[in-house]
PDB file of N, CA and C in Angstrom:
ATOM      1  N   MET A   1      30.129   1.482  24.100  1.00  0.00           N
ATOM      2  CA  MET A   1      30.402   2.674  23.271  1.00  0.00           C
ATOM      3  C   MET A   1      31.858   3.127  23.452  1.00  0.00           C
ATOM      4  N   VAL A   2      32.432   3.601  22.373  1.00  0.00           N
ATOM      5  CA  VAL A   2      33.825   4.052  22.447  1.00  0.00           C
ATOM      6  C   VAL A   2      33.923   5.319  23.295  1.00  0.00           C
ATOM      7  N   PHE A   3      32.908   6.178  23.155  1.00  0.00           N
ATOM      8  CA  PHE A   3      32.922   7.441  23.906  1.00  0.00           C
ATOM      9  C   PHE A   3      33.042   7.178  25.403  1.00  0.00           C
ATOM     10  N   ILE A   4      32.249   6.243  25.884  1.00  0.00           N
ATOM     11  CA  ILE A   4      32.276   5.916  27.310  1.00  0.00           C
ATOM     12  C   ILE A   4      33.661   5.398  27.697  1.00  0.00           C
ATOM     13  N   LYS A   5      34.241   4.595  26.805  1.00  0.00           N
ATOM     14  CA  LYS A   5      35.568   4.039  27.080  1.00  0.00           C
ATOM     15  C   LYS A   5      36.585   5.156  27.266  1.00  0.00           C
ATOM     16  N   TRP A   6      36.551   6.126  26.365  1.00  0.00           N
ATOM     17  CA  TRP A   6      37.481   7.247  26.458  1.00  0.00           C
ATOM     18  C   TRP A   6      37.213   8.049  27.719  1.00  0.00           C
ATOM     19  N   TYR A   7      35.938   8.237  28.001  1.00  0.00           N
ATOM     20  CA  TYR A   7      35.560   9.009  29.188  1.00  0.00           C
ATOM     21  C   TYR A   7      36.114   8.349  30.445  1.00  0.00           C
ATOM     22  N   LYS A   8      35.956   7.032  30.527  1.00  0.00           N
ATOM     23  CA  LYS A   8      36.451   6.299  31.709  1.00  0.00           C
ATOM     24  C   LYS A   8      37.964   6.419  31.802  1.00  0.00           C
ATOM     25  N   LEU A   9      38.622   6.332  30.649  1.00  0.00           N
ATOM     26  CA  LEU A   9      40.082   6.436  30.638  1.00  0.00           C
ATOM     27  C   LEU A   9      40.518   7.797  31.174  1.00  0.00           C
ATOM     28  N   PHE A  10      39.834   8.840  30.709  1.00  0.00           N
ATOM     29  CA  PHE A  10      40.166  10.186  31.167  1.00  0.00           C
ATOM     30  C   PHE A  10      39.909  10.318  32.656  1.00  0.00           C
ATOM     31  N   TRP A  11      38.793   9.778  33.086  1.00  0.00           N
ATOM     32  CA  TRP A  11      38.441   9.850  34.503  1.00  0.00           C
ATOM     33  C   TRP A  11      39.513   9.181  35.355  1.00  0.00           C
ATOM     34  N   CYS A  12      39.984   8.036  34.876  1.00  0.00           N
ATOM     35  CA  CYS A  12      41.031   7.299  35.603  1.00  0.00           C
ATOM     36  C   CYS A  12      42.283   8.164  35.712  1.00  0.00           C
ATOM     37  N   LYS A  13      42.634   8.805  34.627  1.00  0.00           N
ATOM     38  CA  LYS A  13      43.844   9.649  34.620  1.00  0.00           C
ATOM     39  C   LYS A  13      43.667  10.815  35.582  1.00  0.00           C
ATOM     40  N   ILE A  14      42.516  11.438  35.541  1.00  0.00           N
ATOM     41  CA  ILE A  14      42.249  12.585  36.415  1.00  0.00           C
ATOM     42  C   ILE A  14      42.317  12.139  37.873  1.00  0.00           C
ATOM     43  N   ARG A  15      41.720  11.005  38.158  1.00  0.00           N
ATOM     44  CA  ARG A  15      41.718  10.492  39.537  1.00  0.00           C
ATOM     45  C   ARG A  15      43.137  10.185  39.991  1.00  0.00           C
ATOM     46  N   GLU A  16      43.941   9.683  39.063  1.00  0.00           N
ATOM     47  CA  GLU A  16      45.315   9.339  39.415  1.00  0.00           C
ATOM     48  C   GLU A  16      46.093  10.609  39.779  1.00  0.00           C
ATOM     49  N   THR A  17      45.818  11.669  39.026  1.00  0.00           N
ATOM     50  CA  THR A  17      46.518  12.934  39.273  1.00  0.00           C
ATOM     51  C   THR A  17      46.028  13.561  40.572  1.00  0.00           C
ATOM     52  N   LYS A  18      44.723  13.474  40.809  1.00  0.00           N
ATOM     53  CA  LYS A  18      44.158  14.075  42.034  1.00  0.00           C
ATOM     54  C   LYS A  18      44.423  13.177  43.241  1.00  0.00           C
ATOM     55  N   PRO A  19      44.634  13.793  44.396  1.00  0.00           N
ATOM     56  CA  PRO A  19      44.871  13.009  45.611  1.00  0.00           C
ATOM     57  C   PRO A  19      43.627  12.285  46.085  1.00  0.00           C
ATOM     58  N   HIS A  20      43.816  11.158  46.723  1.00  0.00           N
ATOM     59  CA  HIS A  20      42.658  10.382  47.194  1.00  0.00           C
ATOM     60  C   HIS A  20      42.103  10.960  48.480  1.00  0.00           C
TER      61      HIS A  20
END
C-alpha cells in the first residue's frame, strides 16, 4: 500500500531527527 510506504518514510525521517 502507498499509505504504508509514506508512513514508513515519515517514521524514518522522525527517527533520524530524534536521537537514538
